[in-house]
N, C-alpha and C. Protein backbone atom coordinates (compact mmCIF):
# COMPACT_ATOMS: atom_id res chain seq x y z
N MET A 1 96.29 122.23 93.54
CA MET A 1 95.49 121.25 94.26
C MET A 1 95.95 119.84 93.89
N ILE A 2 96.01 118.98 94.88
CA ILE A 2 96.45 117.60 94.66
C ILE A 2 95.24 116.74 94.32
N ARG A 3 95.36 116.01 93.23
CA ARG A 3 94.32 115.07 92.81
C ARG A 3 94.89 113.67 92.98
N LEU A 4 94.10 112.77 93.55
CA LEU A 4 94.53 111.39 93.74
C LEU A 4 93.70 110.47 92.86
N ARG A 5 94.35 109.41 92.39
CA ARG A 5 93.65 108.38 91.63
C ARG A 5 94.32 107.04 91.91
N SER A 6 93.60 105.97 91.61
CA SER A 6 94.15 104.63 91.82
C SER A 6 95.30 104.36 90.85
N ALA A 7 96.29 103.64 91.32
CA ALA A 7 97.40 103.20 90.46
C ALA A 7 96.94 101.97 89.69
N GLU A 8 97.15 102.00 88.39
CA GLU A 8 96.74 100.90 87.52
C GLU A 8 97.98 100.26 86.88
N ALA A 9 97.76 99.19 86.15
CA ALA A 9 98.86 98.47 85.51
C ALA A 9 99.67 99.36 84.57
N ASP A 10 98.99 100.28 83.87
CA ASP A 10 99.71 101.11 82.91
C ASP A 10 100.46 102.28 83.57
N ASP A 11 100.44 102.37 84.89
CA ASP A 11 101.22 103.38 85.61
C ASP A 11 102.62 102.88 85.95
N ILE A 12 103.00 101.74 85.42
CA ILE A 12 104.24 101.09 85.82
C ILE A 12 105.47 101.99 85.63
N GLY A 13 105.52 102.78 84.58
CA GLY A 13 106.67 103.67 84.38
C GLY A 13 106.81 104.68 85.50
N LEU A 14 105.70 105.30 85.87
CA LEU A 14 105.70 106.25 86.97
C LEU A 14 106.06 105.56 88.29
N LEU A 15 105.52 104.38 88.50
CA LEU A 15 105.83 103.65 89.73
C LEU A 15 107.32 103.34 89.83
N TRP A 16 107.95 102.95 88.72
CA TRP A 16 109.40 102.71 88.75
C TRP A 16 110.15 104.01 89.06
N ASP A 17 109.71 105.13 88.47
CA ASP A 17 110.34 106.42 88.79
C ASP A 17 110.28 106.67 90.30
N CYS A 18 109.10 106.45 90.87
CA CYS A 18 108.91 106.70 92.30
C CYS A 18 109.67 105.70 93.16
N LEU A 19 109.80 104.46 92.69
CA LEU A 19 110.58 103.48 93.44
C LEU A 19 112.06 103.87 93.46
N ALA A 20 112.57 104.37 92.35
CA ALA A 20 113.96 104.83 92.31
C ALA A 20 114.16 105.96 93.33
N ILE A 21 113.19 106.87 93.42
CA ILE A 21 113.26 107.95 94.41
C ILE A 21 113.26 107.36 95.82
N ALA A 22 112.31 106.47 96.08
CA ALA A 22 112.15 105.89 97.42
C ALA A 22 113.39 105.11 97.86
N ALA A 23 114.04 104.45 96.92
CA ALA A 23 115.19 103.60 97.24
C ALA A 23 116.52 104.34 97.11
N TYR A 24 116.47 105.65 96.88
CA TYR A 24 117.68 106.46 96.72
C TYR A 24 118.56 105.95 95.59
N GLU A 25 117.94 105.44 94.55
CA GLU A 25 118.68 104.98 93.38
C GLU A 25 118.74 106.11 92.36
N PRO A 26 119.85 106.25 91.63
CA PRO A 26 120.00 107.36 90.69
C PRO A 26 119.13 107.26 89.44
N SER A 27 118.63 106.06 89.15
CA SER A 27 117.83 105.88 87.93
C SER A 27 116.93 104.66 88.09
N VAL A 28 115.97 104.57 87.18
CA VAL A 28 115.10 103.40 87.16
C VAL A 28 115.92 102.15 86.87
N ALA A 29 116.86 102.25 85.92
CA ALA A 29 117.70 101.10 85.58
C ALA A 29 118.45 100.60 86.81
N SER A 30 118.94 101.52 87.60
CA SER A 30 119.65 101.14 88.82
C SER A 30 118.71 100.45 89.80
N ALA A 31 117.50 100.99 89.97
CA ALA A 31 116.51 100.37 90.86
C ALA A 31 116.16 98.97 90.39
N MET A 32 116.02 98.81 89.09
CA MET A 32 115.68 97.49 88.53
C MET A 32 116.79 96.47 88.73
N SER A 33 118.02 96.95 88.87
CA SER A 33 119.16 96.04 88.98
C SER A 33 119.40 95.54 90.41
N VAL A 34 118.69 96.09 91.37
CA VAL A 34 118.83 95.67 92.77
C VAL A 34 117.63 94.79 93.12
N PRO A 35 117.82 93.47 93.23
CA PRO A 35 116.68 92.56 93.42
C PRO A 35 115.76 92.93 94.58
N LEU A 36 116.31 93.33 95.72
CA LEU A 36 115.50 93.69 96.88
C LEU A 36 114.62 94.91 96.59
N VAL A 37 115.12 95.82 95.77
CA VAL A 37 114.34 97.01 95.38
C VAL A 37 113.32 96.62 94.32
N ALA A 38 113.78 95.95 93.28
CA ALA A 38 112.91 95.60 92.15
C ALA A 38 111.72 94.74 92.58
N ALA A 39 111.87 93.97 93.64
CA ALA A 39 110.79 93.10 94.11
C ALA A 39 109.52 93.87 94.44
N HIS A 40 109.66 95.16 94.73
CA HIS A 40 108.49 95.97 95.09
C HIS A 40 107.59 96.28 93.89
N LEU A 41 108.11 96.05 92.67
CA LEU A 41 107.29 96.32 91.48
C LEU A 41 107.29 95.22 90.44
N ASP A 42 108.23 94.28 90.50
CA ASP A 42 108.25 93.21 89.50
C ASP A 42 106.87 92.55 89.44
N GLY A 43 106.33 92.43 88.24
CA GLY A 43 105.04 91.78 88.06
C GLY A 43 103.84 92.62 88.45
N TRP A 44 104.03 93.93 88.61
CA TRP A 44 102.91 94.82 88.96
C TRP A 44 101.86 94.72 87.89
N LYS A 45 100.71 94.53 88.16
CA LYS A 45 99.91 94.59 89.37
C LYS A 45 99.46 93.17 89.66
N ARG A 46 100.13 92.53 90.61
CA ARG A 46 99.76 91.16 90.96
C ARG A 46 98.60 91.21 91.97
N PRO A 47 97.91 90.09 92.17
CA PRO A 47 96.77 90.09 93.10
C PRO A 47 97.19 90.63 94.47
N GLY A 48 96.39 91.54 94.99
CA GLY A 48 96.67 92.14 96.29
C GLY A 48 97.43 93.44 96.22
N ASP A 49 98.08 93.75 95.10
CA ASP A 49 98.77 95.04 94.96
C ASP A 49 97.73 96.15 94.88
N PHE A 50 97.99 97.26 95.55
CA PHE A 50 97.13 98.43 95.41
C PHE A 50 97.96 99.68 95.60
N GLY A 51 97.51 100.77 95.00
CA GLY A 51 98.29 101.99 95.09
C GLY A 51 97.51 103.21 94.67
N VAL A 52 98.16 104.36 94.86
CA VAL A 52 97.56 105.66 94.60
C VAL A 52 98.59 106.54 93.90
N ILE A 53 98.11 107.33 92.95
CA ILE A 53 98.95 108.30 92.23
C ILE A 53 98.51 109.70 92.63
N ALA A 54 99.46 110.59 92.86
CA ALA A 54 99.16 112.00 93.14
C ALA A 54 99.50 112.82 91.90
N GLU A 55 98.59 113.71 91.55
CA GLU A 55 98.79 114.61 90.41
C GLU A 55 98.56 116.05 90.86
N ILE A 56 99.36 116.93 90.30
CA ILE A 56 99.18 118.37 90.49
C ILE A 56 99.13 118.99 89.11
N GLU A 57 98.09 119.74 88.84
CA GLU A 57 97.89 120.39 87.54
C GLU A 57 98.01 119.39 86.40
N GLY A 58 97.46 118.21 86.59
CA GLY A 58 97.43 117.20 85.54
C GLY A 58 98.69 116.37 85.38
N GLY A 59 99.74 116.68 86.13
CA GLY A 59 100.98 115.92 86.03
C GLY A 59 101.22 115.07 87.26
N ALA A 60 101.65 113.85 87.05
CA ALA A 60 101.92 112.94 88.17
C ALA A 60 103.16 113.41 88.93
N VAL A 61 103.03 113.49 90.26
CA VAL A 61 104.14 113.96 91.09
C VAL A 61 104.58 112.94 92.13
N GLY A 62 103.84 111.85 92.26
CA GLY A 62 104.22 110.85 93.25
C GLY A 62 103.29 109.67 93.25
N ALA A 63 103.71 108.65 93.96
CA ALA A 63 102.90 107.43 94.06
C ALA A 63 103.22 106.73 95.37
N ALA A 64 102.21 106.05 95.89
CA ALA A 64 102.38 105.17 97.04
C ALA A 64 101.64 103.89 96.72
N TRP A 65 102.23 102.76 97.06
CA TRP A 65 101.59 101.48 96.77
C TRP A 65 101.99 100.47 97.83
N ALA A 66 101.25 99.38 97.86
CA ALA A 66 101.51 98.33 98.83
C ALA A 66 101.52 96.98 98.13
N ARG A 67 102.40 96.14 98.59
CA ARG A 67 102.51 94.78 98.06
C ARG A 67 102.63 93.82 99.24
N GLN A 68 101.81 92.77 99.18
CA GLN A 68 101.89 91.72 100.20
C GLN A 68 102.93 90.70 99.78
N PHE A 69 104.04 90.70 100.47
CA PHE A 69 105.08 89.72 100.21
C PHE A 69 104.80 88.45 100.99
N ARG A 70 105.42 87.38 100.56
CA ARG A 70 105.44 86.13 101.32
C ARG A 70 106.79 86.08 102.04
N PRO A 71 106.85 85.44 103.21
CA PRO A 71 108.13 85.42 103.95
C PRO A 71 109.29 84.91 103.11
N GLU A 72 109.03 83.92 102.25
CA GLU A 72 110.12 83.35 101.45
C GLU A 72 110.65 84.31 100.38
N GLU A 73 109.90 85.38 100.11
CA GLU A 73 110.40 86.39 99.16
C GLU A 73 111.45 87.28 99.80
N GLN A 74 111.60 87.20 101.11
CA GLN A 74 112.57 87.96 101.87
C GLN A 74 112.51 89.45 101.56
N PRO A 75 111.36 90.07 101.83
CA PRO A 75 111.26 91.51 101.62
C PRO A 75 112.14 92.25 102.62
N SER A 76 112.27 93.55 102.43
CA SER A 76 113.12 94.31 103.34
C SER A 76 112.56 94.32 104.76
N TYR A 77 111.25 94.22 104.89
CA TYR A 77 110.64 94.14 106.22
C TYR A 77 109.33 93.39 106.10
N TYR A 78 109.15 92.33 106.87
CA TYR A 78 107.95 91.50 106.79
C TYR A 78 107.30 91.42 108.17
N VAL A 79 105.98 91.64 108.21
CA VAL A 79 105.24 91.53 109.47
C VAL A 79 104.40 90.27 109.46
N ASP A 80 103.39 90.21 108.58
CA ASP A 80 102.52 89.04 108.48
C ASP A 80 101.72 89.14 107.18
N GLU A 81 100.84 88.15 106.98
CA GLU A 81 100.08 88.07 105.73
C GLU A 81 98.95 89.10 105.63
N LEU A 82 98.76 89.91 106.67
CA LEU A 82 97.74 90.96 106.63
C LEU A 82 98.35 92.35 106.73
N THR A 83 99.67 92.44 106.47
CA THR A 83 100.37 93.72 106.59
C THR A 83 101.30 93.89 105.39
N PRO A 84 100.76 94.35 104.26
CA PRO A 84 101.62 94.55 103.09
C PRO A 84 102.63 95.67 103.32
N GLU A 85 103.70 95.63 102.54
CA GLU A 85 104.75 96.65 102.64
C GLU A 85 104.44 97.82 101.72
N MET A 86 104.50 99.01 102.28
CA MET A 86 104.23 100.24 101.54
C MET A 86 105.52 100.79 100.95
N SER A 87 105.42 101.33 99.75
CA SER A 87 106.50 102.09 99.12
C SER A 87 105.92 103.43 98.73
N ILE A 88 106.71 104.49 98.81
CA ILE A 88 106.24 105.81 98.42
C ILE A 88 107.39 106.63 97.86
N GLY A 89 107.12 107.36 96.80
CA GLY A 89 108.09 108.27 96.23
C GLY A 89 107.38 109.51 95.72
N VAL A 90 107.94 110.67 96.04
CA VAL A 90 107.39 111.95 95.59
C VAL A 90 108.51 112.71 94.90
N ARG A 91 108.22 113.21 93.71
CA ARG A 91 109.23 113.98 92.98
C ARG A 91 109.66 115.20 93.79
N GLU A 92 110.94 115.52 93.68
CA GLU A 92 111.51 116.61 94.46
C GLU A 92 110.75 117.92 94.29
N THR A 93 110.29 118.19 93.08
CA THR A 93 109.58 119.45 92.81
C THR A 93 108.24 119.54 93.54
N ALA A 94 107.73 118.42 94.03
CA ALA A 94 106.43 118.42 94.71
C ALA A 94 106.55 118.22 96.21
N ARG A 95 107.75 118.12 96.73
CA ARG A 95 107.91 117.91 98.17
C ARG A 95 107.51 119.17 98.93
N GLY A 96 106.89 118.96 100.07
CA GLY A 96 106.44 120.09 100.89
C GLY A 96 105.09 120.64 100.49
N LEU A 97 104.46 120.04 99.50
CA LEU A 97 103.15 120.52 99.02
C LEU A 97 101.99 119.68 99.53
N GLY A 98 102.28 118.66 100.31
CA GLY A 98 101.23 117.81 100.86
C GLY A 98 100.95 116.54 100.09
N ALA A 99 101.69 116.31 99.00
CA ALA A 99 101.45 115.11 98.19
C ALA A 99 101.76 113.84 98.98
N GLY A 100 102.86 113.83 99.71
CA GLY A 100 103.23 112.64 100.49
C GLY A 100 102.17 112.30 101.52
N LYS A 101 101.71 113.30 102.26
CA LYS A 101 100.67 113.06 103.27
C LYS A 101 99.39 112.57 102.61
N ALA A 102 99.00 113.18 101.50
CA ALA A 102 97.78 112.77 100.80
C ALA A 102 97.89 111.32 100.32
N LEU A 103 99.05 110.95 99.79
CA LEU A 103 99.26 109.57 99.33
C LEU A 103 99.19 108.58 100.48
N ILE A 104 99.86 108.90 101.57
CA ILE A 104 99.85 108.00 102.73
C ILE A 104 98.44 107.85 103.29
N ASP A 105 97.74 108.97 103.45
CA ASP A 105 96.38 108.91 103.99
C ASP A 105 95.48 108.06 103.10
N ALA A 106 95.59 108.22 101.79
CA ALA A 106 94.76 107.44 100.86
C ALA A 106 95.11 105.96 100.91
N LEU A 107 96.40 105.64 101.00
CA LEU A 107 96.81 104.23 101.06
C LEU A 107 96.34 103.59 102.37
N ILE A 108 96.42 104.34 103.47
CA ILE A 108 95.94 103.84 104.76
C ILE A 108 94.44 103.56 104.68
N THR A 109 93.69 104.48 104.10
CA THR A 109 92.24 104.29 103.96
C THR A 109 91.94 103.02 103.18
N GLU A 110 92.66 102.81 102.08
CA GLU A 110 92.43 101.61 101.26
C GLU A 110 92.81 100.35 102.03
N ALA A 111 93.94 100.39 102.73
CA ALA A 111 94.37 99.22 103.50
C ALA A 111 93.35 98.89 104.59
N ARG A 112 92.96 99.88 105.33
CA ARG A 112 92.02 99.64 106.44
C ARG A 112 90.67 99.15 105.94
N SER A 113 90.23 99.65 104.77
CA SER A 113 88.94 99.19 104.24
C SER A 113 89.00 97.71 103.86
N ALA A 114 90.20 97.20 103.64
CA ALA A 114 90.39 95.78 103.32
C ALA A 114 90.80 94.97 104.56
N GLY A 115 90.81 95.62 105.73
CA GLY A 115 91.20 94.93 106.96
C GLY A 115 92.68 94.69 107.09
N LEU A 116 93.48 95.52 106.42
CA LEU A 116 94.93 95.35 106.41
C LEU A 116 95.63 96.44 107.21
N GLY A 117 96.81 96.12 107.71
CA GLY A 117 97.72 97.11 108.24
C GLY A 117 98.70 97.46 107.12
N LEU A 118 99.74 98.17 107.45
CA LEU A 118 100.82 98.47 106.50
C LEU A 118 102.13 98.44 107.25
N CYS A 119 103.20 98.15 106.54
CA CYS A 119 104.53 98.27 107.11
C CYS A 119 105.41 98.94 106.08
N LEU A 120 106.56 99.39 106.52
CA LEU A 120 107.53 99.99 105.59
C LEU A 120 108.91 99.85 106.19
N ASN A 121 109.89 100.07 105.36
CA ASN A 121 111.28 100.06 105.75
C ASN A 121 111.83 101.43 105.39
N VAL A 122 112.51 102.09 106.33
CA VAL A 122 112.95 103.46 106.10
C VAL A 122 114.34 103.68 106.69
N ARG A 123 115.10 104.53 106.03
CA ARG A 123 116.42 104.90 106.56
C ARG A 123 116.22 105.85 107.73
N ASP A 124 117.04 105.70 108.75
CA ASP A 124 116.88 106.54 109.93
C ASP A 124 117.13 108.02 109.64
N SER A 125 117.82 108.32 108.55
CA SER A 125 118.10 109.71 108.18
C SER A 125 117.00 110.34 107.33
N ASN A 126 115.97 109.58 106.98
CA ASN A 126 114.91 110.08 106.10
C ASN A 126 113.97 110.99 106.88
N PRO A 127 113.83 112.26 106.45
CA PRO A 127 112.93 113.17 107.18
C PRO A 127 111.47 112.73 107.15
N ALA A 128 111.11 111.83 106.25
CA ALA A 128 109.72 111.35 106.17
C ALA A 128 109.34 110.49 107.37
N VAL A 129 110.31 110.08 108.19
CA VAL A 129 109.98 109.29 109.39
C VAL A 129 108.93 110.02 110.21
N ARG A 130 109.07 111.33 110.37
CA ARG A 130 108.10 112.10 111.16
C ARG A 130 106.71 112.07 110.51
N LEU A 131 106.66 112.12 109.19
CA LEU A 131 105.38 112.03 108.48
C LEU A 131 104.73 110.67 108.73
N TYR A 132 105.52 109.61 108.68
CA TYR A 132 104.99 108.27 108.93
C TYR A 132 104.46 108.16 110.37
N GLU A 133 105.21 108.73 111.31
CA GLU A 133 104.76 108.68 112.71
C GLU A 133 103.44 109.44 112.89
N ARG A 134 103.32 110.60 112.27
CA ARG A 134 102.07 111.37 112.37
C ARG A 134 100.90 110.61 111.76
N ALA A 135 101.18 109.76 110.77
CA ALA A 135 100.12 108.97 110.12
C ALA A 135 99.74 107.74 110.95
N GLY A 136 100.50 107.45 112.01
CA GLY A 136 100.16 106.32 112.87
C GLY A 136 101.13 105.16 112.83
N PHE A 137 102.17 105.24 111.99
CA PHE A 137 103.18 104.18 111.95
C PHE A 137 104.04 104.27 113.20
N ARG A 138 104.46 103.11 113.70
CA ARG A 138 105.33 103.06 114.87
C ARG A 138 106.56 102.23 114.53
N ARG A 139 107.68 102.70 115.05
CA ARG A 139 108.95 101.99 114.85
C ARG A 139 108.86 100.61 115.49
N ALA A 140 109.28 99.60 114.75
CA ALA A 140 109.25 98.22 115.25
C ALA A 140 110.54 97.94 116.03
N PRO A 141 110.44 97.67 117.32
CA PRO A 141 111.64 97.40 118.12
C PRO A 141 112.43 96.23 117.54
N GLY A 142 113.75 96.40 117.52
CA GLY A 142 114.62 95.32 117.06
C GLY A 142 114.70 95.16 115.56
N SER A 143 114.13 96.10 114.80
CA SER A 143 114.10 95.96 113.33
C SER A 143 115.27 96.65 112.64
N GLU A 144 116.15 97.27 113.39
CA GLU A 144 117.26 98.01 112.80
C GLU A 144 118.21 97.08 112.05
N VAL A 145 118.57 97.49 110.85
CA VAL A 145 119.53 96.74 110.03
C VAL A 145 120.45 97.72 109.32
N ARG A 146 121.63 97.24 108.98
CA ARG A 146 122.55 98.04 108.16
C ARG A 146 122.02 97.98 106.73
N ASN A 147 121.84 99.15 106.09
CA ASN A 147 121.29 99.17 104.74
C ASN A 147 122.40 99.16 103.68
N ARG A 148 121.98 99.14 102.41
CA ARG A 148 122.92 99.06 101.28
C ARG A 148 123.90 100.22 101.25
N ALA A 149 123.51 101.37 101.80
CA ALA A 149 124.36 102.56 101.78
C ALA A 149 125.30 102.62 102.98
N GLY A 150 125.18 101.63 103.89
CA GLY A 150 126.04 101.60 105.07
C GLY A 150 125.43 102.27 106.28
N GLY A 151 124.24 102.86 106.13
CA GLY A 151 123.54 103.48 107.25
C GLY A 151 122.61 102.49 107.92
N ILE A 152 121.70 103.02 108.71
CA ILE A 152 120.74 102.19 109.43
C ILE A 152 119.34 102.41 108.86
N SER A 153 118.63 101.32 108.65
CA SER A 153 117.22 101.35 108.29
C SER A 153 116.45 100.57 109.34
N PHE A 154 115.17 100.85 109.45
CA PHE A 154 114.34 100.13 110.40
C PHE A 154 112.93 100.00 109.86
N GLY A 155 112.19 99.06 110.44
CA GLY A 155 110.80 98.83 110.04
C GLY A 155 109.86 99.69 110.86
N MET A 156 108.75 100.06 110.22
CA MET A 156 107.66 100.76 110.90
C MET A 156 106.37 100.03 110.55
N VAL A 157 105.44 100.02 111.50
CA VAL A 157 104.19 99.28 111.32
C VAL A 157 103.00 100.17 111.64
N LEU A 158 102.00 100.08 110.80
CA LEU A 158 100.70 100.69 111.05
C LEU A 158 99.75 99.53 111.32
N PRO A 159 99.19 99.44 112.54
CA PRO A 159 98.33 98.30 112.83
C PRO A 159 97.07 98.28 111.97
N ARG A 160 96.46 97.10 111.90
CA ARG A 160 95.25 96.93 111.10
C ARG A 160 94.11 97.81 111.58
N HIS A 161 94.05 98.07 112.86
CA HIS A 161 92.97 98.88 113.42
C HIS A 161 93.59 100.06 114.15
N PRO A 162 93.01 101.25 114.00
CA PRO A 162 93.57 102.41 114.69
C PRO A 162 93.53 102.21 116.21
N ALA A 163 94.53 102.78 116.87
CA ALA A 163 94.55 102.72 118.34
C ALA A 163 93.38 103.52 118.88
N SER A 164 92.77 102.99 119.94
CA SER A 164 91.63 103.72 120.51
C SER A 164 92.03 104.48 121.75
C-alpha cells in the first residue's frame, strides 16, 4: 500500500535522489552540477515550495514537488506566477505500482487548494507523458525545445481550475 506524506526540509536527500531520476542524471552529484536541474531544489524549502513523498512498506519510493520560479530565474518552462513547476521522480523498483499517479494526484490537490495550476517540462520519449495527460496536463503549443540530451522536450500545463 502506498502511503503519502508532505515533503519537509529534512527530506532534501530523497528529493535530490528523485530529481536525479527525473532529470535522467546518473547521480545526485551530476544533478547538482547542472544549474538548470539544481534550480529545482537549491534552497529547499523556500516560501511557496510544496511537495509529497510516497512510501511503500515504510520506505520512500518517490517524490513530487512544485516550485514557483520567477521569469528571471529562467526555469525550463515558465507559465506565470500562479503556475509552479512540478518535478517528480519514482525509484525504478516502484514503477508500475501507482506511486507516480498517487504523487501527481496529491500534488494537484495541494496546488488547486491554493488556487494554483502546475506546469512541467518533459522529454517527448518519456512514457509518463500519458500519465500527465490522464491527470489533466495538456501539451503547451510551441513549447518544444532541444534538450540537453539532444532530444525534444516540451512543456505541459495543468490549469488552475479543472475543465468543466
